[in-house]
Structures are given as structure tokens and as C-alpha cells.
Amino acid sequence: MADDYLGSGGRLEGGPADALVAAGYRYEAAAGPRLADGLSTSDLAHAVALAEAGAIPEDQSRALLSGLLDLDAIPGEDFPFDPAIGDAFNNREHQLKDRVGTQAAGWLSAGRPRREAFRVALRLVARDDARDLHDACVDLAAALVDLAARHARDLAADYTYLQPAQPTRLGHLVLAYAYPVLRDARRLREIHAALDLSVAGAGGSAGSRWPLDRSRLAELLGAAGVVPHVKDAMWQWDAFAALLGAAATTATHQSELAQDLEILASQEFGIATLADAHSRASALMPQKKNPYALAVVRATAGTAAGDLAGVLTSLHTGSARTDHFHVLNTVVPRALDEVVASTRLMAAVVAGLELDATRAAEAARRGFITAADLADVLARDAGLDYRTAHHVVGRAVRLLVDRGLDEASLTPDLLAEAAMASDGIALEVDAALIADALDPAAAADTRLQSGSSAPGETEAMAAACGEEIAGAREWARGAAESAAAAHASLRARARELSGA
């Protein structure tokens, strides 16, 4: 295979060691299918720029472009990447040589090191991956907003530490999960903008003698502009780390939602029911309907966090090294594929989710959930400062628990007993005042703040989220159309210059 190995140049003799193939090129070649379209686009843009500048003989330019267009027609998963030949760049060069000969193929590296081909390819793939994840997040947010709107007025219990906390509305609870996902989408739009700057035409680390117009290369690639400094263009990594960070963040947001849904779907809660299509039966216990999709989402979040940690660890190196790009070329496309798939699954789960409003309301009438509201009422209407009122109610709850009683037994006499026992206060409270404070529906509707469970607030927030979702989808359509137009335009220009 030594004759096929193109990584040696004239400086080295022979092919790579078997151990290098097994530990290095096998890993790099495995990234080939995911980077294939980006590598092809990078090669075509470089060859077109050389041709337009008249930098290489016209007959060689036509042959080079013709061969690259042949390679472009091969789907990435069908391309014959062979680790023994080297990385994905070497494999493409090998196939190009077979098609157009050594002389024409040799012009592909004029003014461009192999790393530039990979840098351009990874940016293009990562930019599209960022948009795909953005769109999946928007779909998830839309499913959550729709579910929240359907249950905007249904009574429910909010929980902290898995303990009943305050009465609220079921739609208000659901909508709380939509806002982090919309923030994820905003982050991804910002990262997309960073990745939409071209690094092509940088030469080595200080430019080259070849007449390559970096702005024209950016136009051919469909980029919004160029990274100004050529060395920074070749070695910057932060946009990829930011993308992995955003992927890990959105996956973690979904893991939180998945864990909460798993609890709500348990027999003990019985509030959430997953569609059969998102569940899995037990191979042993026939009665079980396991929420398997939620386990997939949680596992993906763990893997995404590990990918981010691995990449950041590989970055502990000096500048102008390939350590981290050896990892980035493989990890970024694979990790984004996994998180995009998981996010689409979570959106489908939410869209198919059934919530039992009756069970949710029952939960809101247990567990002394209006204790904080009673303390508020005592502080406002019974002459107590808030801390004392809080202490009195806490003692009253303790008396009820010790006696095996529930909140229905919280009478004026028991509250007076608690006040005397806790603070030596003679407290007289009207029974109607207590009854009003202990009504969870009334409590949920007496919140004063915007964004609370007060009537109309959930609907208003859902409407605002809907407007943001519409805007995000409009941005995504524009970005996708722009990328597709540039992709097609580059290939049309390459065909024109090739004489095809």
C-alpha cells in the first residue's frame, strides 16, 4: 500500500506503520463519511478559485474540476475510505488521481495545506449541524408551548426536591421547560453566525503566493464573511467547543425534563402517559410499559457532556497543533448527530404526551401545599410578622403530621395551639380566612407577578413564545435556503469551468 499512501510527500519513504494506521488513520478515516460533503465543497471552491484566477493551466483546471465533480457525486457513506491510504483528505486525493491522473490531481494542494481542507469542511458541517439542532429545539419548544396552552387553567402541584411546594397551573409547569429550550435555540443561532465565517484561502499560517481571493472563496462557500487573521483562521477551535457546549446544554435541559416525566409517569403519580410508540415492553414483566424514550434522552445527555469534557481536555496543548482537531473532526459531527436525534425524539415524546388533569388537581389538594399561602394571610391579616407567621404554620403542620391528620383538620383552634406552642402568642383567626388561604385553586390565581400562575399569565407567555418560535423558524428557513443556494451555485460554476 506504500505506493497509494500520499501522506509522505518527498520527505518520507514507504507507507505508514500498521500501528499508525490502527491508532491514527483508522480514527481519522472514520470521520470521512460525515465530513465528505464539506470536504468536497472545500475542494471544489479551492479549485474554482484557482481556475478563476488563471493560476493553473486551463486543461489541468478542467480535468481537476471534472474529477472533483465525479467525487462529489459519491455519497459519503459509499466513498471507499481506506485507513491504509491515510486520512479522508488522502483518500480523496487517491481517488482523484485514479480519475484524472497525477498531474491534474496534484494542483489540488496548490496554496492549501491539508488542514485547510479539513478546517473548511468541519466548519461547513458544524454550521449545518448547528442549524439542524436549532430546528429540533424549536420543534421541541413548540410542542411544549402547545401542551402548556391546552392545560393553562388546570390545577396542579409544583414540586421542589420532589416535595409538594405550591399550587399552580399545569400549563404553567409545562411552559417552564420551554424557556430553556428557546434559550438553547438562541445560542445556536449565535454559534451558527460564528461558524458562518470562512477560513479558506489562509495558505499555511501566514498566507501564500497563490492568487487566492479569500472573499471570493467565502462567497463560493456560502459564508457570510472571512476570519480576518489567517493563522487564527487555521487554528481557532472555540466555535466548535461552543457548539459542543450548546449541544450538551440542550441535552441536559432535556434530561431534566425526561427525569421529571419519568416520575410523573410512575404509578404513584399517574399524571403523565407516554405514547406506546415511545415506550418499550419488559421482556420479563408483562404488565410494564417502560418510558424507554426518556432513558435514551438521558443517556444522550451524559454522552454529550463527556464529549465536551474530552474535547476541552484535548485542547490543553500549545498553539498550532493538531491534537484537538484530530478529536474535533470526529467528535463534533458524531455528537451533533446524536443530540439532534435525541432532541427530535424529545419533541415527539412531548407531542404525544397525555397529561391527566384530574390526577394533577388531586395532587394539588394534598401535602399541605398551601401552607405558604396561609403564612402570607396570617402576616397580612392577623397582625403577625412574616417570620412568626411562617413559624406558626410550620408548627401547625408538624402537629397535624404527628397526629396523622391532613390539611382539612387545620382549624382555628389548632392554629391557636400552634401559635401558643411555638411563640407563646394568643392567636385568633376566622375560619373563613383559613379556608380561603387553604384553597389551592384560589391560591394559584392570587399571584401578583408577571410570569406567575395568575389567570392569563400562562396564555400570555405561551403567545410570546409562539412569536419567538415563528421568528426562529423564519431565520432557519433563510439560513437553509442560503446554504442550499451556495451549494448549488458552486457546483454549477465548477461544471461551467470544467467544460462539462
Protein backbone atom coordinates (compact mmCIF):
# COMPACT_ATOMS: atom_id res chain seq x y z
CA MET A 1 0.00 0.00 0.00
CA ALA A 2 3.07 2.24 0.13
CA ASP A 3 2.51 3.47 -3.44
CA ASP A 4 -1.04 4.53 -2.55
CA TYR A 5 -0.04 6.40 0.58
CA LEU A 6 0.02 10.11 -0.20
CA GLY A 7 0.89 11.42 3.24
CA SER A 8 4.66 11.12 2.87
CA GLY A 9 5.38 13.67 0.13
CA GLY A 10 9.03 13.57 -0.88
CA ARG A 11 10.37 13.78 2.65
CA LEU A 12 9.41 10.27 3.75
CA GLU A 13 9.71 6.88 2.14
CA GLY A 14 7.29 4.00 2.31
CA GLY A 15 3.82 3.82 3.79
CA PRO A 16 2.60 4.29 7.35
CA ALA A 17 3.26 1.74 10.06
CA ASP A 18 0.44 -0.66 10.79
CA ALA A 19 0.26 0.74 14.33
CA LEU A 20 -0.16 4.29 12.96
CA VAL A 21 -2.95 3.12 10.67
CA ALA A 22 -4.71 1.33 13.54
CA ALA A 23 -4.39 4.15 16.08
CA GLY A 24 -4.46 7.24 13.86
CA TYR A 25 -5.70 6.92 10.30
CA ARG A 26 -8.44 4.44 11.16
CA TYR A 27 -9.86 7.03 13.56
CA GLU A 28 -9.50 9.88 11.06
CA ALA A 29 -10.87 7.91 8.11
CA ALA A 30 -13.94 7.04 10.21
CA ALA A 31 -14.81 10.75 10.17
CA GLY A 32 -14.79 10.72 6.37
CA PRO A 33 -18.47 9.92 5.70
CA ARG A 34 -19.72 12.75 7.92
CA LEU A 35 -17.19 15.25 6.54
CA ALA A 36 -17.47 14.08 2.92
CA ASP A 37 -19.78 16.80 1.62
CA GLY A 38 -17.80 19.50 3.43
CA LEU A 39 -14.51 18.19 2.04
CA SER A 40 -15.97 18.06 -1.45
CA THR A 41 -17.28 21.63 -1.14
CA SER A 42 -13.91 22.80 0.17
CA ASP A 43 -12.05 21.15 -2.73
CA LEU A 44 -14.44 22.50 -5.35
CA ALA A 45 -14.26 26.05 -4.02
CA HIS A 46 -10.46 25.95 -3.94
CA ALA A 47 -10.25 24.58 -7.48
CA VAL A 48 -12.75 27.12 -8.80
CA ALA A 49 -10.83 29.97 -7.16
CA LEU A 50 -7.58 28.75 -8.73
CA ALA A 51 -9.26 28.43 -12.12
CA GLU A 52 -10.87 31.86 -11.98
CA ALA A 53 -7.51 33.40 -11.06
CA GLY A 54 -5.83 31.66 -14.00
CA ALA A 55 -3.37 30.19 -11.52
CA ILE A 56 -3.11 26.76 -13.16
CA PRO A 57 -3.11 25.59 -16.80
CA GLU A 58 -6.61 25.62 -18.28
CA ASP A 59 -6.58 21.99 -19.41
CA GLN A 60 -5.39 20.86 -15.97
CA SER A 61 -8.02 23.05 -14.33
CA ARG A 62 -10.80 21.48 -16.39
CA ALA A 63 -9.57 17.98 -15.60
CA LEU A 64 -9.22 18.77 -11.90
CA LEU A 65 -12.76 20.16 -11.66
CA SER A 66 -14.18 17.27 -13.68
CA GLY A 67 -12.60 14.76 -11.30
CA LEU A 68 -13.78 16.64 -8.23
CA LEU A 69 -17.32 16.70 -9.59
CA ASP A 70 -17.11 12.92 -10.04
CA LEU A 71 -16.09 12.54 -6.40
CA ASP A 72 -18.82 14.96 -5.34
CA ALA A 73 -21.42 12.61 -6.82
CA ILE A 74 -20.38 9.78 -4.45
CA PRO A 75 -22.42 9.78 -1.21
CA GLY A 76 -20.23 9.98 1.86
CA GLU A 77 -21.36 6.62 3.18
CA ASP A 78 -20.40 5.00 -0.16
CA PHE A 79 -16.98 6.62 -0.53
CA PRO A 80 -14.21 3.98 -0.28
CA PHE A 81 -12.30 5.43 2.67
CA ASP A 82 -9.31 3.19 3.41
CA PRO A 83 -7.29 3.90 6.59
CA ALA A 84 -4.19 2.36 5.00
CA ILE A 85 -4.16 5.23 2.48
CA GLY A 86 -4.34 7.82 5.24
CA ASP A 87 -6.95 10.31 6.39
CA ALA A 88 -10.04 11.38 4.45
CA PHE A 89 -8.07 14.02 2.50
CA ASN A 90 -5.52 11.45 1.33
CA ASN A 91 -8.31 9.07 0.34
CA ARG A 92 -9.98 11.72 -1.78
CA GLU A 93 -6.66 12.65 -3.40
CA HIS A 94 -6.03 8.98 -4.15
CA GLN A 95 -9.42 8.61 -5.85
CA LEU A 96 -8.88 11.88 -7.74
CA LYS A 97 -5.51 10.67 -9.04
CA ASP A 98 -7.13 7.49 -10.35
CA ARG A 99 -9.67 9.57 -12.28
CA VAL A 100 -7.66 12.45 -13.71
CA GLY A 101 -4.04 11.44 -13.30
CA THR A 102 -1.26 12.58 -11.01
CA GLN A 103 -0.59 15.87 -12.79
CA ALA A 104 -4.12 17.29 -12.65
CA ALA A 105 -4.73 15.92 -9.16
CA GLY A 106 -1.50 17.49 -7.97
CA TRP A 107 -2.92 21.02 -8.38
CA LEU A 108 -5.46 20.48 -5.60
CA SER A 109 -2.89 21.33 -2.93
CA ALA A 110 -1.63 24.49 -4.61
CA GLY A 111 -1.63 27.18 -1.91
CA ARG A 112 -3.53 24.99 0.55
CA PRO A 113 -2.35 22.51 3.22
CA ARG A 114 -4.48 19.50 4.02
CA ARG A 115 -5.56 21.05 7.31
CA GLU A 116 -7.33 23.85 5.42
CA ALA A 117 -9.48 21.31 3.62
CA PHE A 118 -10.46 19.82 6.98
CA ARG A 119 -10.98 23.19 8.67
CA VAL A 120 -13.31 24.36 5.91
CA ALA A 121 -15.14 21.04 5.83
CA LEU A 122 -15.63 20.88 9.60
CA ARG A 123 -16.94 24.46 9.69
CA LEU A 124 -19.46 23.78 6.94
CA VAL A 125 -20.66 20.57 8.56
CA ALA A 126 -20.77 22.11 12.04
CA ARG A 127 -22.66 25.16 10.73
CA ASP A 128 -25.34 22.93 9.22
CA ASP A 129 -25.41 20.77 12.36
CA ALA A 130 -25.98 23.88 14.46
CA ARG A 131 -28.97 24.76 12.30
CA ASP A 132 -30.33 21.20 12.49
CA LEU A 133 -30.10 21.22 16.28
CA HIS A 134 -31.66 24.68 16.35
CA ASP A 135 -34.62 23.43 14.32
CA ALA A 136 -35.06 20.39 16.56
CA CYS A 137 -35.05 22.67 19.63
CA VAL A 138 -37.67 24.90 18.04
CA ASP A 139 -39.87 21.86 17.37
CA LEU A 140 -39.49 20.78 21.00
CA ALA A 141 -40.33 24.28 22.24
CA ALA A 142 -43.41 24.36 20.00
CA ALA A 143 -44.62 21.01 21.37
CA LEU A 144 -44.15 22.24 24.94
CA VAL A 145 -45.97 25.52 24.25
CA ASP A 146 -48.87 23.67 22.65
CA LEU A 147 -49.12 21.29 25.62
CA ALA A 148 -48.96 24.21 28.06
CA ALA A 149 -51.72 26.08 26.23
CA ARG A 150 -54.01 23.04 26.41
CA HIS A 151 -53.57 22.84 30.19
CA ALA A 152 -53.27 26.55 31.01
CA ARG A 153 -56.18 26.52 33.51
CA ASP A 154 -55.76 23.03 35.03
CA LEU A 155 -54.81 22.96 38.70
CA ALA A 156 -51.55 21.23 39.63
CA ALA A 157 -48.90 21.00 42.31
CA ASP A 158 -45.45 22.40 41.85
CA TYR A 159 -42.61 20.40 43.40
CA THR A 160 -39.16 21.21 44.74
CA TYR A 161 -36.91 18.40 45.99
CA LEU A 162 -39.80 16.15 44.86
CA GLN A 163 -41.84 17.59 47.73
CA PRO A 164 -45.15 19.45 47.21
CA ALA A 165 -44.26 23.15 47.15
CA GLN A 166 -47.02 25.46 45.87
CA PRO A 167 -50.29 25.18 43.97
CA THR A 168 -50.00 26.27 40.35
CA ARG A 169 -51.49 25.51 36.95
CA LEU A 170 -50.43 22.52 34.89
CA GLY A 171 -49.76 24.67 31.84
CA HIS A 172 -47.55 26.94 33.91
CA LEU A 173 -45.45 23.93 34.93
CA VAL A 174 -45.09 22.70 31.36
CA LEU A 175 -44.19 26.13 30.00
CA ALA A 176 -41.23 26.34 32.38
CA TYR A 177 -39.50 23.71 30.23
CA ALA A 178 -39.99 25.69 27.01
CA TYR A 179 -37.95 28.73 28.02
CA PRO A 180 -34.60 26.89 28.42
CA VAL A 181 -35.11 25.25 25.03
CA LEU A 182 -35.73 28.63 23.41
CA ARG A 183 -32.52 29.91 25.03
CA ASP A 184 -30.74 26.89 23.54
CA ALA A 185 -32.05 27.90 20.11
CA ARG A 186 -30.82 31.48 20.57
CA ARG A 187 -27.35 30.22 21.49
CA LEU A 188 -27.29 28.03 18.40
CA ARG A 189 -28.13 30.98 16.15
CA GLU A 190 -25.18 32.87 17.61
CA ILE A 191 -22.87 29.89 17.11
CA HIS A 192 -24.14 29.49 13.54
CA ALA A 193 -23.12 33.09 12.89
CA ALA A 194 -19.61 32.41 14.23
CA LEU A 195 -19.26 29.30 12.07
CA ASP A 196 -20.53 31.22 9.03
CA LEU A 197 -17.15 32.95 8.64
CA SER A 198 -14.79 31.41 6.09
CA VAL A 199 -11.29 30.20 6.95
CA ALA A 200 -10.45 29.29 3.33
CA GLY A 201 -7.51 30.80 1.49
CA ALA A 202 -5.27 31.11 4.54
CA GLY A 203 -2.36 29.31 2.91
CA GLY A 204 -0.06 27.96 5.63
CA SER A 205 -0.07 30.15 8.71
CA ALA A 206 0.84 33.42 7.03
CA GLY A 207 -0.83 33.29 3.62
CA SER A 208 0.61 32.10 0.28
CA ARG A 209 1.95 33.33 -3.06
CA TRP A 210 -1.03 31.91 -4.92
CA PRO A 211 -3.62 34.47 -6.15
CA LEU A 212 -6.44 33.24 -3.92
CA ASP A 213 -9.11 35.81 -3.08
CA ARG A 214 -10.39 34.97 0.39
CA SER A 215 -13.57 36.98 -0.11
CA ARG A 216 -14.32 35.10 -3.33
CA LEU A 217 -13.69 31.80 -1.54
CA ALA A 218 -16.12 32.86 1.18
CA GLU A 219 -18.70 33.66 -1.50
CA LEU A 220 -18.20 30.26 -3.17
CA LEU A 221 -18.63 28.53 0.19
CA GLY A 222 -21.76 30.49 1.03
CA ALA A 223 -20.12 32.10 4.06
CA ALA A 224 -21.09 35.49 5.45
CA GLY A 225 -17.51 36.76 5.64
CA VAL A 226 -13.95 35.77 6.49
CA VAL A 227 -11.98 35.22 9.68
CA PRO A 228 -9.52 38.17 9.43
CA HIS A 229 -6.23 36.66 10.65
CA VAL A 230 -5.04 33.69 8.61
CA LYS A 231 -3.26 31.88 11.45
CA ASP A 232 -6.25 32.33 13.72
CA ALA A 233 -8.41 31.08 10.85
CA MET A 234 -6.42 27.86 10.67
CA TRP A 235 -6.24 27.10 14.39
CA GLN A 236 -9.27 28.56 16.13
CA TRP A 237 -11.35 25.99 18.00
CA ASP A 238 -13.68 27.98 20.22
CA ALA A 239 -16.71 27.93 17.91
CA PHE A 240 -16.61 24.12 17.88
CA ALA A 241 -16.28 23.96 21.67
CA ALA A 242 -19.18 26.41 21.93
CA LEU A 243 -21.26 24.19 19.65
CA LEU A 244 -20.49 21.11 21.74
CA GLY A 245 -21.28 23.14 24.86
CA ALA A 246 -24.62 24.21 23.41
CA ALA A 247 -25.38 20.62 22.43
CA ALA A 248 -24.51 19.39 25.93
CA THR A 249 -26.61 22.17 27.49
CA THR A 250 -29.73 21.47 25.46
CA ALA A 251 -29.30 17.73 26.04
CA THR A 252 -29.08 18.39 29.79
CA HIS A 253 -32.21 20.54 29.71
CA GLN A 254 -33.97 17.63 28.05
CA SER A 255 -32.55 15.20 30.59
CA GLU A 256 -34.14 17.27 33.37
CA LEU A 257 -37.47 17.16 31.56
CA ALA A 258 -37.09 13.43 30.90
CA GLN A 259 -36.42 12.67 34.56
CA ASP A 260 -39.43 14.73 35.66
CA LEU A 261 -41.66 13.00 33.13
CA GLU A 262 -40.44 9.60 34.26
CA ILE A 263 -41.54 10.47 37.79
CA LEU A 264 -44.88 11.89 36.66
CA ALA A 265 -45.45 8.77 34.54
CA SER A 266 -44.90 6.45 37.51
CA GLN A 267 -47.86 4.60 39.00
CA GLU A 268 -47.53 6.63 42.19
CA PHE A 269 -48.08 9.93 40.33
CA GLY A 270 -50.01 8.80 37.26
CA ILE A 271 -50.10 12.30 35.78
CA ALA A 272 -48.16 11.74 32.53
CA THR A 273 -48.61 8.95 30.00
CA LEU A 274 -46.21 8.40 27.12
CA ALA A 275 -47.46 7.16 23.77
CA ASP A 276 -46.92 3.46 23.15
CA ALA A 277 -44.63 4.36 20.27
CA HIS A 278 -42.21 5.99 22.73
CA SER A 279 -42.34 3.17 25.27
CA ARG A 280 -40.92 -0.34 25.50
CA ALA A 281 -42.35 -3.51 27.00
CA SER A 282 -40.48 -5.55 29.58
CA ALA A 283 -39.10 -8.87 28.35
CA LEU A 284 -39.96 -10.42 31.73
CA MET A 285 -42.81 -8.49 33.35
CA PRO A 286 -45.85 -8.28 31.04
CA GLN A 287 -47.59 -5.53 32.99
CA LYS A 288 -44.87 -2.93 32.41
CA LYS A 289 -44.86 -0.01 29.99
CA ASN A 290 -41.36 1.39 30.31
CA PRO A 291 -40.74 5.02 29.22
CA TYR A 292 -37.75 3.94 27.16
CA ALA A 293 -37.53 7.13 25.10
CA LEU A 294 -36.78 9.08 28.27
CA ALA A 295 -33.84 6.78 29.05
CA VAL A 296 -32.48 7.42 25.54
CA VAL A 297 -32.66 11.17 26.11
CA ARG A 298 -30.90 10.95 29.48
CA ALA A 299 -28.15 8.69 28.12
CA THR A 300 -27.51 11.07 25.22
CA ALA A 301 -27.13 13.97 27.64
CA GLY A 302 -24.48 12.06 29.56
CA THR A 303 -22.57 11.26 26.38
CA ALA A 304 -22.77 14.88 25.19
CA ALA A 305 -21.30 16.10 28.47
CA GLY A 306 -18.49 13.57 28.12
CA ASP A 307 -17.78 14.68 24.55
CA LEU A 308 -17.45 18.29 25.69
CA ALA A 309 -15.12 17.32 28.52
CA GLY A 310 -13.00 15.20 26.18
CA VAL A 311 -12.60 17.98 23.64
CA LEU A 312 -11.73 20.57 26.28
CA THR A 313 -9.13 18.20 27.72
CA SER A 314 -7.55 17.70 24.28
CA LEU A 315 -7.22 21.47 23.98
CA HIS A 316 -4.54 21.54 26.70
CA THR A 317 -1.82 21.94 24.10
CA GLY A 318 0.25 24.67 22.55
CA SER A 319 -0.93 26.72 19.60
CA ALA A 320 -0.76 25.46 16.01
CA ARG A 321 -1.04 21.78 16.95
CA THR A 322 -3.34 19.12 15.54
CA ASP A 323 -4.14 17.28 18.77
CA HIS A 324 -7.58 18.77 19.27
CA PHE A 325 -8.56 18.80 15.59
CA HIS A 326 -7.79 15.09 15.46
CA VAL A 327 -10.61 14.83 18.02
CA LEU A 328 -12.87 17.62 16.72
CA ASN A 329 -13.12 16.23 13.17
CA THR A 330 -14.66 13.05 14.56
CA VAL A 331 -16.45 14.14 17.73
CA VAL A 332 -18.31 17.25 16.51
CA PRO A 333 -20.29 15.67 13.64
CA ARG A 334 -20.99 12.47 15.59
CA ALA A 335 -22.03 14.25 18.79
CA LEU A 336 -24.32 16.64 16.93
CA ASP A 337 -25.95 13.75 15.05
CA GLU A 338 -26.75 12.11 18.38
CA VAL A 339 -28.09 15.23 20.13
CA VAL A 340 -30.18 16.24 17.11
CA ALA A 341 -31.76 12.77 17.02
CA SER A 342 -32.38 12.84 20.77
CA THR A 343 -33.94 16.31 20.58
CA ARG A 344 -36.26 15.22 17.79
CA LEU A 345 -37.23 12.23 19.92
CA MET A 346 -37.99 14.51 22.89
CA ALA A 347 -40.16 16.72 20.68
CA ALA A 348 -42.10 13.67 19.52
CA VAL A 349 -42.50 12.45 23.11
CA VAL A 350 -43.95 15.79 24.22
CA ALA A 351 -46.23 15.97 21.17
CA GLY A 352 -47.62 12.52 22.00
CA LEU A 353 -47.81 13.05 25.76
CA GLU A 354 -51.10 12.80 27.66
CA LEU A 355 -51.48 14.67 30.96
CA ASP A 356 -54.18 13.69 33.46
CA ALA A 357 -55.59 16.99 34.72
CA THR A 358 -57.73 15.24 37.33
CA ARG A 359 -54.75 13.49 38.92
CA ALA A 360 -52.75 16.71 38.77
CA ALA A 361 -55.51 18.59 40.61
CA GLU A 362 -55.74 15.84 43.24
CA ALA A 363 -52.03 16.20 43.92
CA ALA A 364 -52.57 19.94 44.44
CA ARG A 365 -55.00 19.22 47.28
CA ARG A 366 -52.59 17.12 49.32
CA GLY A 367 -49.36 17.60 51.20
CA PHE A 368 -50.12 20.93 52.95
CA ILE A 369 -49.33 22.62 49.65
CA THR A 370 -50.98 25.92 50.62
CA ALA A 371 -49.02 26.31 53.86
CA ALA A 372 -47.00 29.20 52.43
CA ASP A 373 -50.22 30.94 51.36
CA LEU A 374 -51.63 30.54 54.88
CA ALA A 375 -48.48 32.14 56.30
CA ASP A 376 -48.93 35.03 53.84
CA VAL A 377 -52.53 35.52 55.00
CA LEU A 378 -51.58 35.43 58.69
CA ALA A 379 -48.89 38.04 58.07
CA ARG A 380 -51.22 40.30 56.11
CA ASP A 381 -54.47 39.88 58.05
CA ALA A 382 -53.71 38.50 61.55
CA GLY A 383 -51.17 41.01 62.84
CA LEU A 384 -48.11 38.72 62.71
CA ASP A 385 -44.78 39.48 61.09
CA TYR A 386 -43.99 37.09 58.25
CA ARG A 387 -41.26 35.08 60.01
CA THR A 388 -43.52 34.48 63.02
CA ALA A 389 -46.42 33.54 60.74
CA HIS A 390 -44.16 31.11 58.90
CA HIS A 391 -43.09 29.56 62.22
CA VAL A 392 -46.66 29.20 63.46
CA VAL A 393 -47.84 27.50 60.26
CA GLY A 394 -44.82 25.21 60.30
CA ARG A 395 -45.66 24.14 63.87
CA ALA A 396 -49.30 23.60 62.89
CA VAL A 397 -48.24 21.29 60.06
CA ARG A 398 -46.00 19.39 62.47
CA LEU A 399 -48.94 18.91 64.90
CA LEU A 400 -51.12 17.57 62.08
CA VAL A 401 -48.45 15.18 60.85
CA ASP A 402 -47.76 13.87 64.36
CA ARG A 403 -51.49 13.22 64.84
CA GLY A 404 -51.96 11.58 61.47
CA LEU A 405 -54.25 14.33 60.20
CA ASP A 406 -54.36 16.18 56.87
CA GLU A 407 -54.84 19.82 55.95
CA ALA A 408 -58.63 19.56 56.27
CA SER A 409 -58.10 19.39 60.05
CA LEU A 410 -56.30 22.74 60.20
CA THR A 411 -58.89 24.60 62.33
CA PRO A 412 -58.63 27.95 64.12
CA ASP A 413 -58.20 26.05 67.39
CA LEU A 414 -55.28 24.00 66.08
CA LEU A 415 -53.66 27.11 64.63
CA ALA A 416 -54.08 28.86 68.00
CA GLU A 417 -52.49 25.84 69.71
CA ALA A 418 -49.54 26.04 67.31
CA ALA A 419 -49.12 29.77 67.89
CA MET A 420 -49.04 29.31 71.64
CA ALA A 421 -46.67 26.34 71.45
CA SER A 422 -44.22 27.96 69.05
CA ASP A 423 -44.15 31.62 70.08
CA GLY A 424 -46.43 31.97 73.11
CA ILE A 425 -48.89 34.02 71.04
CA ALA A 426 -52.61 34.05 71.65
CA LEU A 427 -53.88 33.87 68.07
CA GLU A 428 -57.46 34.20 66.94
CA VAL A 429 -58.19 33.62 63.27
CA ASP A 430 -61.52 33.44 61.49
CA ALA A 431 -62.28 30.02 59.95
CA ALA A 432 -63.25 31.64 56.64
CA LEU A 433 -59.83 33.27 56.42
CA ILE A 434 -58.17 29.88 56.85
CA ALA A 435 -60.47 28.20 54.36
CA ASP A 436 -59.75 30.82 51.71
CA ALA A 437 -55.99 30.54 52.25
CA LEU A 438 -56.10 26.73 52.03
CA ASP A 439 -57.95 26.66 48.69
CA PRO A 440 -55.23 25.67 46.15
CA ALA A 441 -57.15 27.00 43.15
CA ALA A 442 -57.64 30.38 44.78
CA ALA A 443 -54.00 30.41 45.84
CA ALA A 444 -52.80 29.71 42.30
CA ASP A 445 -54.92 32.57 40.99
CA THR A 446 -53.90 35.22 43.53
CA ARG A 447 -50.29 35.58 42.40
CA LEU A 448 -49.44 39.18 41.60
CA GLN A 449 -46.34 38.91 39.43
CA SER A 450 -45.97 38.69 35.67
CA GLY A 451 -44.90 35.20 34.69
CA SER A 452 -46.72 33.65 37.63
CA SER A 453 -49.63 31.20 37.73
CA ALA A 454 -52.12 34.08 37.82
CA PRO A 455 -55.02 33.90 35.32
CA GLY A 456 -53.97 34.84 31.82
CA GLU A 457 -50.23 34.78 32.51
CA THR A 458 -49.62 31.32 31.07
CA GLU A 459 -51.62 32.19 27.96
CA ALA A 460 -49.68 35.44 27.54
CA MET A 461 -46.33 33.71 27.91
CA ALA A 462 -47.36 30.93 25.52
CA ALA A 463 -48.32 33.54 22.94
CA ALA A 464 -44.96 35.32 23.34
CA CYS A 465 -43.13 32.00 22.99
CA GLY A 466 -45.16 31.30 19.86
CA GLU A 467 -43.98 34.55 18.32
CA GLU A 468 -40.35 33.69 19.12
CA ILE A 469 -40.81 30.23 17.62
CA ALA A 470 -42.22 31.73 14.42
CA GLY A 471 -39.25 34.09 14.17
CA ALA A 472 -36.79 31.24 14.79
CA ARG A 473 -38.38 29.18 12.04
CA GLU A 474 -38.19 32.09 9.63
CA TRP A 475 -34.47 32.50 10.41
CA ALA A 476 -33.90 28.77 9.88
CA ARG A 477 -35.66 28.82 6.51
CA GLY A 478 -33.49 31.71 5.36
CA ALA A 479 -30.27 30.08 6.55
CA ALA A 480 -31.14 26.75 4.92
CA GLU A 481 -32.09 28.38 1.63
CA SER A 482 -28.89 30.43 1.60
CA ALA A 483 -26.73 27.36 2.25
CA ALA A 484 -28.53 25.31 -0.39
CA ALA A 485 -28.23 28.09 -2.97
CA ALA A 486 -24.49 28.44 -2.35
CA HIS A 487 -24.05 24.67 -2.52
CA ALA A 488 -25.79 24.50 -5.90
CA SER A 489 -24.13 27.65 -7.27
CA LEU A 490 -20.63 26.37 -6.51
CA ARG A 491 -21.28 23.12 -8.35
CA ALA A 492 -22.79 24.96 -11.31
CA ARG A 493 -19.71 27.16 -11.52
CA ALA A 494 -17.44 24.12 -11.28
CA ARG A 495 -19.34 22.42 -14.13
CA GLU A 496 -19.07 25.58 -16.23
CA LEU A 497 -15.31 25.85 -15.72
CA SER A 498 -14.80 22.13 -16.30
CA GLY A 499 -16.47 22.34 -19.70
CA ALA A 500 -18.96 19.69 -18.69
